[in-house]
């Protein structure tokens, strides 16, 4: 796996991630989706944007990992499931356990 880059509307945030992990600063989700070197995308934007971003990425042929919540409605979730099957790409939630200790 190679980290391709980052996008954030606040460019300085993308630049900080890229300084640490490498890759390039993307200027938009569309730019990421146009990059043939990118196979998969992690969707970490505000919750209300998860669905539209995931749809765009799936339609561009990218695998998608979405932070919770995956969607705002069951209909949106059903759409993502159907679309991921149609385009033969993985679309899955990211379950973050960073705040759980080993003793829990």
N, C-alpha and C. Protein backbone atom coordinates (compact mmCIF):
# COMPACT_ATOMS: atom_id res chain seq x y z
N UNK A 1 0.84 -1.16 0.00
CA UNK A 1 0.00 0.00 0.00
C UNK A 1 0.89 1.23 0.00
N UNK A 2 0.51 2.19 -0.83
CA UNK A 2 1.22 3.47 -0.88
C UNK A 2 0.21 4.58 -0.67
N UNK A 3 0.49 5.46 0.27
CA UNK A 3 -0.38 6.60 0.52
C UNK A 3 -0.26 7.56 -0.65
N UNK A 4 -1.38 7.83 -1.33
CA UNK A 4 -1.34 8.67 -2.54
C UNK A 4 -1.39 10.15 -2.23
N UNK A 5 -2.14 10.52 -1.19
CA UNK A 5 -2.25 11.93 -0.88
C UNK A 5 -3.47 12.23 -0.04
N UNK A 6 -3.78 13.53 0.09
CA UNK A 6 -4.88 13.95 0.94
C UNK A 6 -5.60 15.14 0.32
N UNK A 7 -6.88 15.24 0.66
CA UNK A 7 -7.67 16.41 0.28
C UNK A 7 -8.43 16.91 1.49
N UNK A 8 -8.39 18.20 1.69
CA UNK A 8 -9.21 18.89 2.68
C UNK A 8 -9.48 20.27 2.11
N UNK A 9 -10.70 20.78 2.29
CA UNK A 9 -10.96 22.14 1.80
C UNK A 9 -10.00 23.17 2.40
N UNK A 10 -9.48 22.87 3.58
CA UNK A 10 -8.45 23.71 4.19
C UNK A 10 -7.11 23.13 3.76
N UNK A 11 -6.55 23.72 2.72
CA UNK A 11 -5.35 23.17 2.08
C UNK A 11 -4.21 22.93 3.06
N UNK A 12 -4.06 23.77 4.05
CA UNK A 12 -2.96 23.61 5.00
C UNK A 12 -3.07 22.29 5.76
N UNK A 13 -4.29 21.81 5.98
CA UNK A 13 -4.46 20.52 6.65
C UNK A 13 -3.99 19.38 5.75
N UNK A 14 -4.32 19.44 4.47
CA UNK A 14 -3.83 18.44 3.52
C UNK A 14 -2.32 18.48 3.44
N UNK A 15 -1.77 19.68 3.41
CA UNK A 15 -0.32 19.83 3.32
C UNK A 15 0.38 19.21 4.53
N UNK A 16 -0.20 19.35 5.71
CA UNK A 16 0.39 18.75 6.91
C UNK A 16 0.40 17.23 6.84
N UNK A 17 -0.69 16.66 6.38
CA UNK A 17 -0.77 15.20 6.25
C UNK A 17 0.25 14.70 5.23
N UNK A 18 0.34 15.40 4.11
CA UNK A 18 1.27 15.00 3.05
C UNK A 18 2.72 15.15 3.50
N UNK A 19 3.01 16.17 4.28
CA UNK A 19 4.37 16.30 4.83
C UNK A 19 4.73 15.09 5.67
N UNK A 20 3.76 14.59 6.43
CA UNK A 20 4.02 13.46 7.32
C UNK A 20 4.02 12.12 6.59
N UNK A 21 3.10 11.94 5.64
CA UNK A 21 2.91 10.62 5.03
C UNK A 21 3.35 10.52 3.58
N UNK A 22 3.67 11.65 2.97
CA UNK A 22 4.04 11.63 1.55
C UNK A 22 2.81 11.83 0.67
N UNK A 23 2.99 11.57 -0.61
CA UNK A 23 1.89 11.73 -1.55
C UNK A 23 1.76 13.16 -2.01
N UNK A 24 0.56 13.49 -2.50
CA UNK A 24 0.34 14.83 -3.02
C UNK A 24 -0.90 15.45 -2.41
N UNK A 25 -0.97 16.74 -2.51
CA UNK A 25 -2.13 17.47 -2.05
C UNK A 25 -3.13 17.53 -3.20
N UNK A 26 -4.31 16.98 -2.98
CA UNK A 26 -5.38 17.05 -3.98
C UNK A 26 -6.21 18.29 -3.70
N UNK A 27 -6.74 18.89 -4.74
CA UNK A 27 -7.53 20.12 -4.63
C UNK A 27 -9.03 19.86 -4.57
N UNK A 28 -9.44 18.59 -4.83
CA UNK A 28 -10.87 18.26 -4.81
C UNK A 28 -11.03 16.74 -4.83
N UNK A 29 -12.23 16.30 -4.50
CA UNK A 29 -12.57 14.88 -4.61
C UNK A 29 -12.51 14.47 -6.08
N UNK A 30 -12.96 15.34 -6.96
CA UNK A 30 -12.90 15.04 -8.39
C UNK A 30 -11.47 14.78 -8.84
N UNK A 31 -10.52 15.55 -8.33
CA UNK A 31 -9.12 15.35 -8.70
C UNK A 31 -8.63 13.98 -8.23
N UNK A 32 -9.04 13.58 -7.04
CA UNK A 32 -8.69 12.24 -6.55
C UNK A 32 -9.28 11.18 -7.48
N UNK A 33 -10.56 11.35 -7.81
CA UNK A 33 -11.24 10.36 -8.63
C UNK A 33 -10.67 10.27 -10.05
N UNK A 34 -10.08 11.34 -10.53
CA UNK A 34 -9.46 11.34 -11.87
C UNK A 34 -8.08 10.69 -11.87
N UNK A 35 -7.49 10.54 -10.69
CA UNK A 35 -6.14 9.98 -10.58
C UNK A 35 -6.21 8.46 -10.69
N UNK A 36 -5.70 7.94 -11.77
CA UNK A 36 -5.73 6.48 -12.01
C UNK A 36 -4.84 5.69 -11.06
N UNK A 37 -3.94 6.38 -10.39
CA UNK A 37 -3.06 5.72 -9.42
C UNK A 37 -3.77 5.43 -8.10
N UNK A 38 -4.90 6.08 -7.86
CA UNK A 38 -5.64 5.91 -6.61
C UNK A 38 -6.65 4.78 -6.77
N UNK A 39 -6.50 3.74 -5.95
CA UNK A 39 -7.40 2.59 -5.98
C UNK A 39 -8.49 2.67 -4.92
N UNK A 40 -8.19 3.35 -3.82
CA UNK A 40 -9.12 3.36 -2.69
C UNK A 40 -9.08 4.72 -2.00
N UNK A 41 -10.21 5.06 -1.39
CA UNK A 41 -10.37 6.36 -0.74
C UNK A 41 -10.95 6.14 0.66
N UNK A 42 -10.46 6.91 1.61
CA UNK A 42 -11.04 6.94 2.94
C UNK A 42 -11.87 8.21 3.04
N UNK A 43 -13.16 8.07 3.31
CA UNK A 43 -14.06 9.20 3.42
C UNK A 43 -14.14 9.60 4.89
N UNK A 44 -13.62 10.79 5.19
CA UNK A 44 -13.56 11.28 6.57
C UNK A 44 -14.11 12.70 6.68
N UNK A 45 -14.92 13.09 5.73
CA UNK A 45 -15.45 14.45 5.74
C UNK A 45 -16.66 14.54 6.67
N UNK A 46 -17.30 15.72 6.80
CA UNK A 46 -18.47 15.82 7.68
C UNK A 46 -19.55 14.80 7.30
N UNK A 47 -20.25 14.32 8.30
CA UNK A 47 -21.22 13.23 8.12
C UNK A 47 -22.19 13.46 6.97
N UNK A 48 -22.71 14.67 6.83
CA UNK A 48 -23.71 14.92 5.80
C UNK A 48 -23.14 14.82 4.38
N UNK A 49 -21.82 14.74 4.24
CA UNK A 49 -21.18 14.61 2.93
C UNK A 49 -20.75 13.18 2.61
N UNK A 50 -20.84 12.28 3.58
CA UNK A 50 -20.37 10.91 3.38
C UNK A 50 -20.99 10.25 2.16
N UNK A 51 -22.31 10.31 2.06
CA UNK A 51 -23.01 9.60 0.99
C UNK A 51 -22.59 10.11 -0.38
N UNK A 52 -22.68 11.40 -0.61
CA UNK A 52 -22.35 11.94 -1.93
C UNK A 52 -20.89 11.68 -2.30
N UNK A 53 -20.00 11.80 -1.34
CA UNK A 53 -18.58 11.54 -1.60
C UNK A 53 -18.36 10.07 -1.94
N UNK A 54 -18.98 9.18 -1.19
CA UNK A 54 -18.82 7.75 -1.44
C UNK A 54 -19.38 7.37 -2.81
N UNK A 55 -20.53 7.91 -3.16
CA UNK A 55 -21.12 7.63 -4.48
C UNK A 55 -20.16 8.08 -5.58
N UNK A 56 -19.64 9.29 -5.47
CA UNK A 56 -18.72 9.80 -6.48
C UNK A 56 -17.48 8.92 -6.62
N UNK A 57 -16.95 8.49 -5.49
CA UNK A 57 -15.74 7.64 -5.51
C UNK A 57 -16.04 6.26 -6.08
N UNK A 58 -17.14 5.66 -5.69
CA UNK A 58 -17.51 4.36 -6.24
C UNK A 58 -17.73 4.46 -7.75
N UNK A 59 -18.45 5.50 -8.18
CA UNK A 59 -18.70 5.67 -9.61
C UNK A 59 -17.41 5.89 -10.39
N UNK A 60 -16.38 6.40 -9.72
CA UNK A 60 -15.08 6.59 -10.35
C UNK A 60 -14.23 5.32 -10.30
N UNK A 61 -14.77 4.26 -9.71
CA UNK A 61 -14.06 2.99 -9.67
C UNK A 61 -13.14 2.80 -8.49
N UNK A 62 -13.35 3.59 -7.45
CA UNK A 62 -12.51 3.48 -6.25
C UNK A 62 -13.18 2.60 -5.20
N UNK A 63 -12.38 1.86 -4.43
CA UNK A 63 -12.86 1.21 -3.23
C UNK A 63 -13.03 2.30 -2.18
N UNK A 64 -13.97 2.13 -1.24
CA UNK A 64 -14.28 3.19 -0.29
C UNK A 64 -14.36 2.65 1.14
N UNK A 65 -13.65 3.32 2.04
CA UNK A 65 -13.78 3.09 3.48
C UNK A 65 -14.39 4.37 4.03
N UNK A 66 -15.53 4.27 4.71
CA UNK A 66 -16.24 5.45 5.21
C UNK A 66 -16.26 5.43 6.73
N UNK A 67 -15.86 6.55 7.31
CA UNK A 67 -16.02 6.70 8.75
C UNK A 67 -17.50 6.73 9.09
N UNK A 68 -17.83 6.39 10.33
CA UNK A 68 -19.23 6.36 10.76
C UNK A 68 -19.78 7.78 10.92
N UNK A 69 -21.02 7.99 10.67
CA UNK A 69 -21.98 7.06 10.07
C UNK A 69 -21.76 6.97 8.56
N UNK A 70 -22.00 5.81 8.01
CA UNK A 70 -21.82 5.60 6.58
C UNK A 70 -22.78 6.47 5.79
N UNK A 71 -24.01 6.55 6.24
CA UNK A 71 -25.04 7.32 5.53
C UNK A 71 -26.02 7.89 6.56
N UNK A 72 -26.87 8.80 6.09
CA UNK A 72 -27.85 9.41 6.98
C UNK A 72 -29.19 8.68 6.98
N UNK A 73 -29.43 7.87 5.96
CA UNK A 73 -30.70 7.14 5.88
C UNK A 73 -30.45 5.71 5.44
N UNK A 74 -31.43 4.86 5.70
CA UNK A 74 -31.35 3.47 5.24
C UNK A 74 -31.37 3.42 3.71
N UNK A 75 -32.13 4.31 3.08
CA UNK A 75 -32.18 4.35 1.62
C UNK A 75 -30.80 4.66 1.03
N UNK A 76 -30.08 5.58 1.66
CA UNK A 76 -28.72 5.88 1.19
C UNK A 76 -27.81 4.67 1.36
N UNK A 77 -27.93 4.01 2.49
CA UNK A 77 -27.12 2.82 2.73
C UNK A 77 -27.43 1.74 1.71
N UNK A 78 -28.71 1.51 1.43
CA UNK A 78 -29.10 0.53 0.41
C UNK A 78 -28.52 0.90 -0.94
N UNK A 79 -28.53 2.19 -1.26
CA UNK A 79 -27.97 2.65 -2.54
C UNK A 79 -26.47 2.35 -2.61
N UNK A 80 -25.75 2.62 -1.53
CA UNK A 80 -24.31 2.34 -1.51
C UNK A 80 -24.01 0.86 -1.68
N UNK A 81 -24.81 0.03 -1.03
CA UNK A 81 -24.62 -1.42 -1.15
C UNK A 81 -24.85 -1.86 -2.60
N UNK A 82 -25.93 -1.40 -3.18
CA UNK A 82 -26.25 -1.78 -4.57
C UNK A 82 -25.19 -1.25 -5.54
N UNK A 83 -24.77 0.00 -5.34
CA UNK A 83 -23.77 0.59 -6.23
C UNK A 83 -22.44 -0.13 -6.11
N UNK A 84 -22.02 -0.45 -4.89
CA UNK A 84 -20.73 -1.14 -4.73
C UNK A 84 -20.75 -2.50 -5.41
N UNK A 85 -21.88 -3.18 -5.38
CA UNK A 85 -22.00 -4.46 -6.09
C UNK A 85 -21.97 -4.24 -7.60
N UNK A 86 -22.67 -3.22 -8.05
CA UNK A 86 -22.74 -2.92 -9.49
C UNK A 86 -21.35 -2.62 -10.07
N UNK A 87 -20.56 -1.84 -9.35
CA UNK A 87 -19.24 -1.45 -9.85
C UNK A 87 -18.13 -2.39 -9.37
N UNK A 88 -18.51 -3.42 -8.61
CA UNK A 88 -17.58 -4.43 -8.11
C UNK A 88 -16.43 -3.81 -7.31
N UNK A 89 -16.82 -2.96 -6.35
CA UNK A 89 -15.86 -2.33 -5.45
C UNK A 89 -16.30 -2.52 -4.01
N UNK A 90 -15.34 -2.52 -3.10
CA UNK A 90 -15.64 -2.64 -1.68
C UNK A 90 -16.05 -1.27 -1.16
N UNK A 91 -17.11 -1.25 -0.38
CA UNK A 91 -17.56 -0.05 0.32
C UNK A 91 -17.89 -0.50 1.74
N UNK A 92 -17.12 0.01 2.70
CA UNK A 92 -17.29 -0.48 4.07
C UNK A 92 -17.10 0.62 5.09
N UNK A 93 -17.71 0.43 6.27
CA UNK A 93 -17.52 1.41 7.34
C UNK A 93 -16.17 1.23 8.01
N UNK A 94 -15.65 2.34 8.50
CA UNK A 94 -14.42 2.29 9.29
C UNK A 94 -14.79 2.35 10.76
N UNK A 95 -14.47 1.31 11.49
CA UNK A 95 -14.77 1.29 12.92
C UNK A 95 -13.52 1.69 13.67
N UNK A 96 -13.56 2.84 14.31
CA UNK A 96 -12.42 3.40 14.98
C UNK A 96 -12.43 3.01 16.45
N UNK A 97 -11.39 2.31 16.87
CA UNK A 97 -11.28 1.86 18.25
C UNK A 97 -10.15 2.58 18.98
N UNK A 98 -9.77 3.75 18.52
CA UNK A 98 -8.63 4.45 19.08
C UNK A 98 -8.80 4.78 20.56
N UNK A 99 -10.02 4.99 21.02
CA UNK A 99 -10.24 5.40 22.41
C UNK A 99 -10.50 4.23 23.36
N UNK A 100 -10.41 3.01 22.86
CA UNK A 100 -10.59 1.85 23.71
C UNK A 100 -9.22 1.36 24.17
N UNK A 101 -9.10 1.09 25.47
CA UNK A 101 -7.84 0.58 25.96
C UNK A 101 -7.81 -0.93 25.79
N UNK A 102 -6.66 -1.51 25.95
CA UNK A 102 -6.51 -2.96 25.83
C UNK A 102 -7.22 -3.69 26.95
N UNK A 103 -7.57 -3.00 28.02
CA UNK A 103 -8.19 -3.66 29.17
C UNK A 103 -9.70 -3.70 29.08
N UNK A 104 -10.28 -3.01 28.12
CA UNK A 104 -11.75 -3.00 28.00
C UNK A 104 -12.24 -4.18 27.21
